[in-house]
Amino acid sequence: MELALPNSQSSPSSAAPHSIKGLDLSPVAPVFPSPADWRDEVIYELMIDRFDDNQEHPPFDMRAAKKKREARNAAVFQGGTIKGITRRLDYIQGLGATTIWMTPPLKNRQDDPASYHGYGPQDFLSIDPRFGTLADLRDLVREAHSRGMYVIMDIVIDHVGDVWGYENDPDRAYDNGRKYEFGHWRESRTEDSSPSVSPIQLQYPDAFKRMGRMHDVGAARGDEATDGDFMSLKVLDLENPDVLKTIIAIYKYWIAATDIDGYRIDAFRHVRPDAGRAFCQAVREFATGIGKKNFILIGEVASRRGQLVKYVGSNTPLPREGRRAHYPLLDAALDFPVYHKLARTLKGKLPVTRLFEHYQWLARYYRDPATAGKNYVTFFENHDGGALNHARILAGEKDVKLAILASAYVLLSMGIPCLYYGSEQGFDSAGKGDTAIREAMFGGTWGAFGTTGMHFFNPRHPVYQAISKLAQIRRAVPALRYGRQFIRETSSDGIHFACPTTGQCTLAFCRILDADEVVIAMNLEREARNDCILVDPTQLPLGTVMHDLLGNSDPVRVEQPAPDRTAFVRVALEGRGIVVLRKHSGDAPRA
């Protein structure tokens, strides 16, 4: 059956290309060099539509705020723009963040109000006009680079928006690999005259797998996880060489056209390994060839740690279907194993030993476990919110110290730290879906704390201030970026030491780089604690004075009682308090 292509004429108001043929892959300007080591950076994740609309709004005031937020506004466009991000660079940089990770800016269906998130691309070669223009994106990247900052673009490589329907347009579900008949391209219900999908190389039915929607995206495994549609979003057939070639060309183009510094690849566990490997290799080689020698590829692999190590680190080939399938080599993956345990640990609902099992497990795959920090992006909140069941960490909490604890762990532990917008303002939303944790920082009709129309860019907020200080400390102390990490045993009496087995405790760990040991202690209780923390006597001999880099504690001295010569420091912590202990380079141990 012959099927007509969708209208492939570009909109008169758009100069964007609609074919990969003739794409200009020459860099738009001399490229900005990549970071030498991404562990030196702090990432700030934001949603373009929910961050800033480049308009003026009154600052949030709890006394004046009227809680009139309506649920119907949760999943529609709020009005955030790329220009809004650019004008808030001072705010982001003041927080201590050095890298912006923004949700996909590419054009989604203009007649779909729920496409605010950007994860259902319609035109892979255009910026969504609701967010701005190509010039706006170039301006953002250029201005960020002028400040020594970086920009990571969130991308989708294996699916598009709901741009076509199955035959007779029923609700097709995945059925053991059955391929359904293509039905029709969806006509735009707006004045926008762009094609149903672009570039033109994707405008034919066999560019798509056409196997119906996954029954449960989170639980899908095997072929269903790689071949089924994401609900109404249609999955591309990346095993088709022409489709894969097209997607690779698209994302080479965006590097050349904007000088961005990395990609965060959405839903990467749903991409078949061979296609993912080819994409990563091609993009990495292109970026290296134009001078971006450490362009970062971060994958969203929402899986257990056993699955993550297939994508990072050793990248050992594994047998599959009678042959050897090489998994993609990502530069880093989002650290979901830590994410899934961190909030419960900090709330005292999980023993700290469960959190640290992850680092012990990584030692099986790295000769130098500290290098694993290059391969994992640590976070405690994100735009999906699965670990917290669509809730911010402060949902149901009134103590912002909990958000400071979480931020401190992400910034001081092993990995590339990533903060989610609004965390620094103590956002505490919760709800039945991910829209609950996608509040508009500028207020809009879906602002934080149930409010509308008030912005939350407050650099005096206690969480913002704490993060800023922690980021400064991280930047100043190499051990907090590159050091090995170990849990430390604690004791209330200085005699009986053990790793805590309950959640009501002091969480203590250290970072060690060469002769520098930094000890981090966090009180997970609301009441004050006074605990002893083991240290390495070869690094910190008896009498060494350690200073709290946060200024929350008086200097402490390494003690070593007879007869076992155990070395420890005694630390007084207020409820949910933190100390970061380090000896000064000029301090000499005392006998």
Protein backbone atom coordinates (compact mmCIF):
# COMPACT_ATOMS: atom_id res chain seq x y z
CA MET A 1 0.00 0.00 0.00
CA GLU A 2 1.37 3.39 -0.99
CA LEU A 3 1.29 5.88 1.85
CA ALA A 4 1.57 9.60 1.29
CA LEU A 5 4.30 11.43 3.11
CA PRO A 6 3.22 14.18 5.48
CA ASN A 7 3.51 17.75 4.37
CA SER A 8 7.29 18.29 4.22
CA GLN A 9 7.25 21.97 3.38
CA SER A 10 8.86 24.12 6.02
CA SER A 11 6.98 26.88 7.71
CA PRO A 12 7.52 30.22 5.92
CA SER A 13 8.66 31.73 9.23
CA SER A 14 11.27 29.06 9.88
CA ALA A 15 14.72 28.76 8.38
CA ALA A 16 15.39 25.41 10.04
CA PRO A 17 16.54 22.56 7.77
CA HIS A 18 14.14 19.69 7.15
CA SER A 19 16.61 17.17 5.78
CA ILE A 20 19.94 15.80 6.96
CA LYS A 21 21.21 16.16 3.41
CA GLY A 22 23.41 19.21 3.21
CA LEU A 23 23.40 19.82 6.99
CA ASP A 24 26.20 22.18 7.89
CA LEU A 25 28.32 20.37 10.48
CA SER A 26 30.94 23.08 10.67
CA PRO A 27 31.16 24.63 14.14
CA VAL A 28 29.30 27.93 14.34
CA ALA A 29 32.36 29.49 16.04
CA PRO A 30 35.65 28.38 17.61
CA VAL A 31 34.55 25.68 20.04
CA PHE A 32 34.67 26.11 23.80
CA PRO A 33 36.96 23.42 25.27
CA SER A 34 35.54 20.68 27.45
CA PRO A 35 36.32 20.41 31.17
CA ALA A 36 39.44 18.41 31.93
CA ASP A 37 37.42 16.37 34.45
CA TRP A 38 33.64 16.58 34.86
CA ARG A 39 34.03 15.89 38.59
CA ASP A 40 35.19 19.51 38.81
CA GLU A 41 31.70 20.63 37.79
CA VAL A 42 28.35 20.94 39.56
CA ILE A 43 25.30 20.31 37.36
CA TYR A 44 22.00 22.16 37.76
CA GLU A 45 19.04 20.42 36.12
CA LEU A 46 16.14 22.60 35.01
CA MET A 47 13.03 22.29 32.87
CA ILE A 48 12.90 25.04 30.27
CA ASP A 49 9.14 25.55 30.53
CA ARG A 50 9.20 25.62 34.34
CA PHE A 51 12.30 27.72 35.05
CA ASP A 52 11.87 31.34 33.95
CA ASP A 53 9.63 33.12 31.43
CA ASN A 54 11.82 36.22 31.04
CA GLN A 55 9.09 38.34 32.60
CA GLU A 56 8.92 40.21 35.91
CA HIS A 57 7.01 38.70 38.82
CA PRO A 58 6.89 39.58 42.52
CA PRO A 59 9.10 37.50 44.85
CA PHE A 60 7.47 34.76 46.87
CA ASP A 61 6.10 35.98 50.17
CA MET A 62 4.37 33.38 52.35
CA ARG A 63 2.32 36.05 54.09
CA ALA A 64 1.00 37.57 50.86
CA ALA A 65 0.72 34.37 48.82
CA LYS A 66 -2.70 33.04 47.95
CA LYS A 67 -2.86 29.30 47.45
CA LYS A 68 -4.97 29.16 44.32
CA ARG A 69 -3.01 26.67 42.21
CA GLU A 70 -5.34 24.42 40.20
CA ALA A 71 -4.51 20.83 39.25
CA ARG A 72 -5.59 21.39 35.64
CA ASN A 73 -2.57 23.64 35.14
CA ALA A 74 -0.01 21.01 36.18
CA ALA A 75 0.51 19.44 32.75
CA VAL A 76 0.27 22.43 30.42
CA PHE A 77 2.78 25.01 29.24
CA GLN A 78 3.74 27.58 31.84
CA GLY A 79 5.77 29.82 29.55
CA GLY A 80 9.43 29.28 30.45
CA THR A 81 11.91 30.23 27.74
CA ILE A 82 15.57 29.88 26.83
CA LYS A 83 16.02 33.63 27.31
CA GLY A 84 14.69 33.15 30.83
CA ILE A 85 17.55 30.76 31.56
CA THR A 86 20.10 33.20 30.19
CA ARG A 87 18.94 36.02 32.41
CA ARG A 88 19.20 33.78 35.48
CA LEU A 89 22.82 32.75 34.98
CA ASP A 90 23.90 34.94 37.90
CA TYR A 91 21.47 33.05 40.13
CA ILE A 92 22.69 29.64 38.93
CA GLN A 93 26.35 30.56 39.18
CA GLY A 94 25.87 32.09 42.63
CA LEU A 95 24.49 28.77 43.80
CA GLY A 96 27.82 27.20 42.89
CA ALA A 97 26.57 25.35 39.82
CA THR A 98 28.89 25.39 36.83
CA THR A 99 26.84 23.40 34.32
CA ILE A 100 23.24 23.69 33.15
CA TRP A 101 21.36 20.54 32.16
CA MET A 102 18.21 21.66 30.37
CA THR A 103 15.32 19.52 29.21
CA PRO A 104 14.95 18.98 25.42
CA PRO A 105 14.52 22.29 23.55
CA LEU A 106 13.51 20.71 20.22
CA LYS A 107 10.14 21.30 18.67
CA ASN A 108 7.23 19.22 19.97
CA ARG A 109 3.66 19.18 18.63
CA GLN A 110 2.32 22.70 18.91
CA ASP A 111 -1.25 21.52 19.42
CA ASP A 112 -0.36 19.37 22.41
CA PRO A 113 -0.36 21.42 25.65
CA ALA A 114 1.12 18.45 27.54
CA SER A 115 4.29 18.59 25.43
CA TYR A 116 5.74 21.26 27.74
CA HIS A 117 8.45 18.83 28.90
CA GLY A 118 10.00 18.45 25.44
CA TYR A 119 10.37 14.66 25.46
CA GLY A 120 8.09 14.08 22.46
CA PRO A 121 10.01 15.65 19.55
CA GLN A 122 8.23 16.38 16.30
CA ASP A 123 10.97 18.32 14.50
CA PHE A 124 14.48 17.23 15.39
CA LEU A 125 16.08 20.15 13.55
CA SER A 126 14.13 23.06 15.06
CA ILE A 127 13.89 24.77 18.44
CA ASP A 128 10.38 24.73 19.87
CA PRO A 129 9.08 28.26 19.20
CA ARG A 130 7.43 28.31 22.61
CA PHE A 131 10.93 28.13 24.11
CA GLY A 132 12.58 30.54 21.69
CA THR A 133 14.89 30.35 18.70
CA LEU A 134 18.19 28.88 17.61
CA ALA A 135 19.70 32.33 18.20
CA ASP A 136 18.41 32.24 21.79
CA LEU A 137 20.07 28.88 22.40
CA ARG A 138 23.33 30.08 20.90
CA ASP A 139 23.19 33.17 23.11
CA LEU A 140 22.65 31.02 26.21
CA VAL A 141 25.60 28.78 25.42
CA ARG A 142 27.82 31.71 24.50
CA GLU A 143 26.97 33.62 27.69
CA ALA A 144 27.48 30.50 29.83
CA HIS A 145 30.88 29.91 28.23
CA SER A 146 31.89 33.51 28.85
CA ARG A 147 31.44 32.75 32.56
CA GLY A 148 33.36 29.48 32.41
CA MET A 149 30.10 27.50 32.59
CA TYR A 150 28.86 24.61 30.46
CA VAL A 151 25.53 23.56 28.91
CA ILE A 152 24.24 20.00 28.58
CA MET A 153 21.25 19.36 26.33
CA ASP A 154 18.76 16.63 27.18
CA ILE A 155 18.03 14.59 24.06
CA VAL A 156 15.73 11.86 22.81
CA ILE A 157 17.17 9.43 20.29
CA ASP A 158 14.72 6.55 19.99
CA HIS A 159 11.22 8.00 19.89
CA VAL A 160 9.14 10.92 18.64
CA GLY A 161 5.92 12.55 19.75
CA ASP A 162 2.45 11.23 18.95
CA VAL A 163 2.82 12.24 15.30
CA TRP A 164 0.99 9.31 13.69
CA GLY A 165 -1.62 6.74 14.53
CA TYR A 166 -2.04 3.01 14.01
CA GLU A 167 -4.52 1.66 11.46
CA ASN A 168 -8.01 2.68 12.56
CA ASP A 169 -6.18 4.42 15.43
CA PRO A 170 -7.06 2.01 18.24
CA ASP A 171 -5.08 1.74 21.46
CA ARG A 172 -2.44 -0.69 20.25
CA ALA A 173 -0.53 -2.50 23.01
CA TYR A 174 2.68 -4.49 22.71
CA ASP A 175 1.91 -8.09 21.74
CA ASN A 176 5.05 -10.26 21.75
CA GLY A 177 6.74 -8.45 18.89
CA ARG A 178 3.73 -8.25 16.57
CA LYS A 179 4.13 -5.42 14.05
CA TYR A 180 1.02 -3.36 13.42
CA GLU A 181 -0.05 -1.60 10.23
CA PHE A 182 0.67 2.08 9.94
CA GLY A 183 -2.49 4.18 9.88
CA HIS A 184 -2.07 7.88 9.21
CA TRP A 185 0.03 10.94 9.93
CA ARG A 186 -1.57 13.25 12.42
CA GLU A 187 -2.68 16.57 10.99
CA SER A 188 -1.80 19.67 12.92
CA ARG A 189 -4.74 21.30 14.62
CA THR A 190 -3.01 24.66 14.75
CA GLU A 191 -1.93 27.22 12.19
CA ASP A 192 1.55 25.74 12.30
CA SER A 193 2.21 24.17 8.89
CA SER A 194 5.32 22.13 9.68
CA PRO A 195 5.32 18.42 8.81
CA SER A 196 4.11 15.72 11.17
CA VAL A 197 7.70 14.70 11.72
CA SER A 198 11.02 16.12 10.56
CA PRO A 199 13.57 15.62 9.06
CA ILE A 200 12.19 14.14 5.88
CA GLN A 201 14.33 11.02 6.36
CA LEU A 202 11.91 9.93 9.14
CA GLN A 203 8.77 10.48 7.08
CA TYR A 204 7.99 6.88 6.18
CA PRO A 205 6.29 4.07 8.17
CA ASP A 206 9.29 1.74 8.35
CA ALA A 207 11.24 4.37 10.24
CA PHE A 208 9.21 3.18 13.25
CA LYS A 209 8.95 -0.17 15.02
CA ARG A 210 5.13 -0.04 15.16
CA MET A 211 4.70 -2.63 17.92
CA GLY A 212 2.26 -0.77 20.18
CA ARG A 213 2.71 0.77 23.59
CA MET A 214 4.51 -0.88 26.49
CA HIS A 215 2.07 -2.09 29.11
CA ASP A 216 4.18 -0.55 31.91
CA VAL A 217 7.19 1.55 30.94
CA GLY A 218 8.88 1.16 34.31
CA ALA A 219 8.41 -2.60 34.51
CA ALA A 220 8.98 -3.49 30.85
CA ARG A 221 11.86 -5.88 30.20
CA GLY A 222 13.41 -7.66 27.23
CA ASP A 223 12.15 -6.89 23.75
CA GLU A 224 9.12 -5.03 25.04
CA ALA A 225 11.41 -2.47 26.75
CA THR A 226 13.27 -1.73 23.51
CA ASP A 227 10.49 -2.17 20.93
CA GLY A 228 7.33 -0.91 22.59
CA ASP A 229 6.07 2.67 22.35
CA PHE A 230 6.29 5.04 25.34
CA MET A 231 2.54 5.35 25.81
CA SER A 232 1.54 7.63 22.90
CA LEU A 233 5.15 8.43 21.93
CA LYS A 234 6.23 6.42 18.89
CA VAL A 235 9.46 4.44 18.90
CA LEU A 236 11.94 4.78 16.05
CA ASP A 237 13.58 1.72 14.50
CA LEU A 238 17.24 2.44 15.22
CA GLU A 239 18.12 -0.99 13.85
CA ASN A 240 17.23 0.45 10.46
CA PRO A 241 20.62 1.83 9.29
CA ASP A 242 19.01 4.83 7.59
CA VAL A 243 17.16 5.83 10.76
CA LEU A 244 20.27 5.47 12.90
CA LYS A 245 22.29 7.50 10.39
CA THR A 246 19.64 10.23 10.56
CA ILE A 247 19.63 10.43 14.37
CA ILE A 248 23.43 10.56 14.47
CA ALA A 249 23.50 13.38 11.90
CA ILE A 250 20.87 15.32 13.88
CA TYR A 251 22.87 15.34 17.08
CA LYS A 252 26.16 16.10 15.35
CA TYR A 253 24.36 19.12 13.91
CA TRP A 254 23.30 20.45 17.30
CA ILE A 255 26.87 20.30 18.62
CA ALA A 256 28.15 22.22 15.61
CA ALA A 257 25.24 24.68 15.56
CA THR A 258 25.29 25.61 19.26
CA ASP A 259 28.65 24.59 20.80
CA ILE A 260 26.92 22.71 23.64
CA ASP A 261 29.14 20.66 25.92
CA GLY A 262 27.30 17.39 26.43
CA TYR A 263 24.17 15.31 26.03
CA ARG A 264 22.02 13.68 28.64
CA ILE A 265 20.31 10.84 26.75
CA ASP A 266 16.75 10.14 27.85
CA ALA A 267 15.44 6.59 28.40
CA PHE A 268 18.72 5.03 27.32
CA ARG A 269 17.94 1.60 28.74
CA HIS A 270 15.21 1.34 26.10
CA VAL A 271 17.76 1.63 23.26
CA ARG A 272 19.16 -1.64 21.94
CA PRO A 273 22.86 -1.91 22.83
CA ASP A 274 24.28 -2.05 19.32
CA ALA A 275 22.39 1.06 18.19
CA GLY A 276 23.35 2.90 21.38
CA ARG A 277 26.99 1.94 20.92
CA ALA A 278 27.03 3.24 17.34
CA PHE A 279 25.39 6.51 18.38
CA CYS A 280 27.78 7.15 21.29
CA GLN A 281 30.86 6.34 19.27
CA ALA A 282 29.83 8.55 16.35
CA VAL A 283 28.92 11.56 18.50
CA ARG A 284 32.01 11.23 20.69
CA GLU A 285 34.32 11.05 17.67
CA PHE A 286 32.64 14.01 16.00
CA ALA A 287 32.93 16.16 19.13
CA THR A 288 36.56 15.17 19.61
CA GLY A 289 37.31 15.94 15.98
CA ILE A 290 36.09 19.54 16.26
CA GLY A 291 37.98 20.15 19.51
CA LYS A 292 35.51 19.22 22.27
CA LYS A 293 37.69 16.44 23.59
CA ASN A 294 35.68 15.64 26.70
CA PHE A 295 32.13 16.13 25.43
CA ILE A 296 30.07 14.24 28.00
CA LEU A 297 27.43 11.61 27.23
CA ILE A 298 25.25 10.94 30.27
CA GLY A 299 22.71 8.14 30.02
CA GLU A 300 19.45 7.75 31.86
CA VAL A 301 19.65 4.05 32.65
CA ALA A 302 17.01 3.69 35.34
CA SER A 303 18.19 0.26 36.44
CA ARG A 304 20.03 -1.58 39.15
CA ARG A 305 23.78 -1.21 39.49
CA GLY A 306 24.41 -4.51 37.68
CA GLN A 307 22.89 -3.00 34.57
CA LEU A 308 24.72 0.32 34.91
CA VAL A 309 28.20 -1.19 34.76
CA LYS A 310 27.39 -2.52 31.29
CA TYR A 311 27.32 1.09 30.10
CA VAL A 312 30.23 2.66 31.99
CA GLY A 313 33.64 1.64 33.27
CA SER A 314 34.94 -1.63 31.87
CA ASN A 315 32.09 -1.95 29.35
CA THR A 316 32.63 -5.69 29.06
CA PRO A 317 30.90 -7.29 26.05
CA LEU A 318 28.15 -9.70 27.08
CA PRO A 319 26.73 -12.62 25.09
CA ARG A 320 23.26 -12.16 23.63
CA GLU A 321 21.27 -14.19 21.15
CA GLY A 322 24.23 -16.30 20.13
CA ARG A 323 26.55 -13.38 19.48
CA ARG A 324 28.46 -10.79 21.45
CA ALA A 325 26.59 -7.53 21.90
CA HIS A 326 28.75 -4.55 22.79
CA TYR A 327 26.99 -2.18 25.15
CA PRO A 328 27.32 1.56 24.58
CA LEU A 329 30.18 3.26 26.37
CA LEU A 330 28.70 6.22 28.16
CA ASP A 331 30.90 8.73 29.92
CA ALA A 332 28.52 8.67 32.86
CA ALA A 333 25.17 7.33 33.98
CA LEU A 334 22.71 8.81 36.45
CA ASP A 335 23.40 7.12 39.77
CA PHE A 336 19.99 5.59 40.39
CA PRO A 337 21.27 3.07 42.99
CA VAL A 338 22.29 5.95 45.28
CA TYR A 339 19.19 7.98 44.41
CA HIS A 340 16.86 5.15 45.42
CA LYS A 341 18.43 4.88 48.88
CA LEU A 342 19.60 8.36 49.76
CA ALA A 343 16.34 9.99 50.83
CA ARG A 344 15.32 7.02 52.98
CA THR A 345 18.75 6.95 54.57
CA LEU A 346 18.71 10.64 55.41
CA LYS A 347 15.21 10.32 56.85
CA GLY A 348 16.39 7.51 59.13
CA LYS A 349 14.36 4.82 57.40
CA LEU A 350 17.32 2.84 56.03
CA PRO A 351 20.65 1.92 57.69
CA VAL A 352 23.60 3.86 56.30
CA THR A 353 25.30 0.55 55.49
CA ARG A 354 22.71 -0.04 52.76
CA LEU A 355 23.68 3.21 51.10
CA PHE A 356 27.39 2.39 51.20
CA GLU A 357 26.96 -1.11 49.74
CA HIS A 358 26.94 0.62 46.38
CA TYR A 359 30.50 1.94 46.74
CA GLN A 360 31.77 -1.41 47.98
CA TRP A 361 30.15 -3.09 45.02
CA LEU A 362 31.79 -0.68 42.56
CA ALA A 363 35.20 -1.73 43.86
CA ARG A 364 34.66 -5.03 42.04
CA TYR A 365 34.71 -3.21 38.69
CA TYR A 366 37.38 -0.55 39.17
CA ARG A 367 41.04 -1.10 39.97
CA ASP A 368 40.98 2.42 41.41
CA PRO A 369 37.47 2.79 42.92
CA ALA A 370 37.85 6.58 43.10
CA THR A 371 37.73 6.76 39.30
CA ALA A 372 34.15 5.48 39.42
CA GLY A 373 33.24 9.03 40.37
CA LYS A 374 33.81 10.01 36.74
CA ASN A 375 31.12 7.61 35.62
CA TYR A 376 28.21 8.44 37.93
CA VAL A 377 26.06 11.55 38.27
CA THR A 378 24.70 11.77 41.82
CA PHE A 379 21.36 13.41 42.64
CA PHE A 380 18.57 13.32 45.22
CA GLU A 381 15.70 14.86 43.21
CA ASN A 382 14.87 14.97 39.54
CA HIS A 383 11.99 15.69 37.17
CA ASP A 384 10.61 12.13 37.32
CA GLY A 385 10.74 11.56 41.06
CA GLY A 386 10.31 7.79 41.01
CA ALA A 387 12.35 7.03 44.14
CA LEU A 388 10.30 9.45 46.20
CA ASN A 389 7.00 8.45 44.60
CA HIS A 390 6.55 11.83 42.89
CA ALA A 391 7.52 13.86 45.92
CA ARG A 392 10.24 16.32 46.80
CA ILE A 393 12.49 15.28 49.67
CA LEU A 394 10.85 17.94 51.87
CA ALA A 395 7.31 16.72 51.18
CA GLY A 396 5.64 16.44 54.57
CA GLU A 397 8.70 17.97 56.24
CA LYS A 398 9.10 21.44 57.72
CA ASP A 399 12.84 21.25 58.40
CA VAL A 400 14.89 22.62 55.47
CA LYS A 401 17.96 21.09 57.10
CA LEU A 402 16.94 17.83 55.46
CA ALA A 403 17.37 19.41 52.01
CA ILE A 404 20.76 20.74 53.13
CA LEU A 405 21.78 17.24 54.26
CA ALA A 406 20.81 15.81 50.87
CA SER A 407 22.60 18.57 48.99
CA ALA A 408 25.68 18.09 51.14
CA TYR A 409 25.78 14.38 50.46
CA VAL A 410 25.55 14.91 46.70
CA LEU A 411 28.23 17.61 46.74
CA LEU A 412 30.67 15.87 49.09
CA SER A 413 30.38 12.23 48.04
CA MET A 414 31.90 10.44 45.08
CA GLY A 415 30.52 11.32 41.64
CA ILE A 416 29.52 14.28 39.51
CA PRO A 417 26.99 16.22 41.60
CA CYS A 418 23.66 17.27 40.13
CA LEU A 419 21.05 19.53 41.76
CA TYR A 420 17.44 19.83 40.60
CA TYR A 421 15.94 23.29 40.28
CA GLY A 422 13.82 24.34 43.25
CA SER A 423 15.67 22.11 45.73
CA GLU A 424 17.68 25.17 46.76
CA GLN A 425 14.43 26.98 47.58
CA GLY A 426 13.04 24.19 49.76
CA PHE A 427 10.30 23.09 47.33
CA ASP A 428 8.14 20.48 49.04
CA SER A 429 5.54 19.36 46.50
CA ALA A 430 4.10 15.87 46.21
CA GLY A 431 1.34 14.31 44.13
CA LYS A 432 0.12 11.43 42.03
CA GLY A 433 2.27 12.20 38.97
CA ASP A 434 5.54 13.77 37.95
CA THR A 435 3.87 17.13 37.29
CA ALA A 436 3.72 17.61 41.07
CA ILE A 437 7.49 18.08 41.19
CA ARG A 438 7.73 20.27 38.10
CA GLU A 439 6.80 23.57 39.70
CA ALA A 440 7.35 26.86 37.89
CA MET A 441 10.22 28.75 39.50
CA PHE A 442 8.73 31.99 38.16
CA GLY A 443 5.32 31.20 39.64
CA GLY A 444 3.11 30.86 36.59
CA THR A 445 -0.13 29.03 37.23
CA TRP A 446 1.76 26.09 38.78
CA GLY A 447 4.10 27.64 41.34
CA ALA A 448 5.58 26.01 44.42
CA PHE A 449 3.79 25.74 47.78
CA GLY A 450 0.42 25.74 46.01
CA THR A 451 0.85 29.33 44.84
CA THR A 452 0.76 31.19 41.52
CA GLY A 453 2.41 34.25 40.08
CA MET A 454 5.34 34.64 42.49
CA HIS A 455 8.99 33.87 41.66
CA PHE A 456 11.37 31.84 43.84
CA PHE A 457 14.80 33.15 42.82
CA ASN A 458 15.87 33.99 46.36
CA PRO A 459 19.66 33.86 46.90
CA ARG A 460 19.15 34.46 50.63
CA HIS A 461 17.22 31.23 51.17
CA PRO A 462 19.05 29.08 53.76
CA VAL A 463 19.26 26.06 51.45
CA TYR A 464 20.63 28.20 48.60
CA GLN A 465 23.21 29.70 50.96
CA ALA A 466 24.25 26.30 52.29
CA ILE A 467 24.64 24.82 48.81
CA SER A 468 26.70 27.80 47.70
CA LYS A 469 29.09 27.31 50.62
CA LEU A 470 29.31 23.54 50.10
CA ALA A 471 30.07 24.04 46.40
CA GLN A 472 32.88 26.45 47.29
CA ILE A 473 34.36 23.87 49.64
CA ARG A 474 34.13 21.14 47.01
CA ARG A 475 35.86 23.39 44.50
CA ALA A 476 38.68 24.21 46.96
CA VAL A 477 39.41 20.66 48.18
CA PRO A 478 40.63 18.14 45.57
CA ALA A 479 39.89 15.17 47.84
CA LEU A 480 36.17 16.00 47.67
CA ARG A 481 36.28 15.68 43.89
CA TYR A 482 38.76 12.89 43.23
CA GLY A 483 39.25 11.06 46.52
CA ARG A 484 38.42 7.51 47.51
CA GLN A 485 35.34 7.16 49.70
CA PHE A 486 34.81 4.99 52.79
CA ILE A 487 32.14 4.72 55.43
CA ARG A 488 33.46 5.41 58.95
CA GLU A 489 32.46 3.54 62.09
CA THR A 490 31.08 5.58 64.98
CA SER A 491 30.80 5.24 68.74
CA SER A 492 29.03 7.06 71.52
CA ASP A 493 31.67 6.12 74.13
CA GLY A 494 34.93 6.12 72.15
CA ILE A 495 35.42 2.40 72.84
CA HIS A 496 32.83 0.37 70.95
CA PHE A 497 32.85 1.31 67.27
CA ALA A 498 30.54 -0.02 64.57
CA CYS A 499 28.70 0.99 61.44
CA PRO A 500 25.24 2.15 62.51
CA THR A 501 22.50 -0.43 62.01
CA THR A 502 19.60 1.94 62.61
CA GLY A 503 18.58 5.17 60.94
CA GLN A 504 18.95 7.20 64.14
CA CYS A 505 22.66 7.86 63.97
CA THR A 506 25.56 9.94 62.72
CA LEU A 507 26.32 9.16 59.09
CA ALA A 508 30.09 9.47 58.74
CA PHE A 509 32.32 8.92 55.73
CA CYS A 510 35.65 10.13 54.46
CA ARG A 511 37.26 11.14 51.20
CA ILE A 512 40.97 10.33 50.88
CA LEU A 513 43.35 11.67 48.26
CA ASP A 514 47.04 10.95 48.84
CA ALA A 515 47.83 12.31 52.32
CA ASP A 516 44.61 14.30 52.65
CA GLU A 517 41.68 12.76 54.55
CA VAL A 518 38.46 14.76 54.80
CA VAL A 519 35.86 13.51 57.27
CA ILE A 520 32.18 14.30 56.72
CA ALA A 521 29.70 13.73 59.53
CA MET A 522 25.92 14.19 59.29
CA ASN A 523 23.50 13.89 62.18
CA LEU A 524 20.40 12.15 60.83
CA GLU A 525 18.40 12.90 63.97
CA ARG A 526 16.54 16.06 64.89
CA GLU A 527 18.21 16.06 68.32
CA ALA A 528 21.87 16.86 68.99
CA ARG A 529 24.42 14.05 69.00
CA ASN A 530 27.98 13.73 70.28
CA ASP A 531 29.73 10.80 68.61
CA CYS A 532 33.25 9.57 68.02
CA ILE A 533 34.27 8.84 64.42
CA LEU A 534 37.10 6.55 63.41
CA VAL A 535 39.88 8.04 61.28
CA ASP A 536 42.96 6.54 59.64
CA PRO A 537 45.92 7.05 62.04
CA THR A 538 48.38 6.83 59.18
CA GLN A 539 46.66 9.84 57.60
CA LEU A 540 45.69 11.60 60.82
CA PRO A 541 48.12 10.80 63.65
CA LEU A 542 47.44 11.37 67.32
CA GLY A 543 47.01 15.05 68.14
CA THR A 544 46.22 16.23 64.63
CA VAL A 545 43.87 19.21 64.77
CA MET A 546 40.97 19.13 62.31
CA HIS A 547 38.94 22.20 61.40
CA ASP A 548 35.34 22.30 60.21
CA LEU A 549 35.35 23.86 56.76
CA LEU A 550 31.70 24.86 57.22
CA GLY A 551 32.38 26.65 60.49
CA ASN A 552 29.69 24.68 62.32
CA SER A 553 32.06 23.15 64.87
CA ASP A 554 35.08 24.08 66.96
CA PRO A 555 38.38 22.46 65.96
CA VAL A 556 38.70 18.84 67.09
CA ARG A 557 41.83 16.84 67.92
CA VAL A 558 42.53 13.26 66.91
CA GLU A 559 42.42 11.08 70.02
CA GLN A 560 44.01 7.68 70.47
CA PRO A 561 43.17 5.97 73.75
CA ALA A 562 45.09 2.92 74.99
CA PRO A 563 45.36 0.03 74.56
CA ASP A 564 44.27 -0.59 70.94
CA ARG A 565 45.52 2.72 69.57
CA THR A 566 42.23 3.37 67.76
CA ALA A 567 42.22 6.87 66.30
CA PHE A 568 39.07 8.95 66.32
CA VAL A 569 37.66 12.45 66.52
CA ARG A 570 34.81 13.41 68.83
CA VAL A 571 32.20 15.53 67.03
CA ALA A 572 29.28 17.47 68.49
CA LEU A 573 26.47 17.91 65.99
CA GLU A 574 23.22 19.82 66.30
CA GLY A 575 20.06 18.20 65.01
CA ARG A 576 20.53 17.40 61.31
CA GLY A 577 23.85 19.21 61.45
CA ILE A 578 26.91 18.69 59.24
CA VAL A 579 30.64 19.11 59.67
CA VAL A 580 33.40 18.78 57.08
CA LEU A 581 36.65 18.15 58.92
CA ARG A 582 40.10 18.63 57.44
CA LYS A 583 43.55 19.28 58.85
CA HIS A 584 45.22 22.49 57.73
CA SER A 585 48.33 21.98 55.65
CA GLY A 586 50.36 23.87 58.27
CA ASP A 587 49.04 21.90 61.20
CA ALA A 588 51.59 19.60 62.81
CA PRO A 589 50.41 16.63 64.87
CA ARG A 590 51.16 16.74 68.56
CA ALA A 591 52.47 13.87 70.65
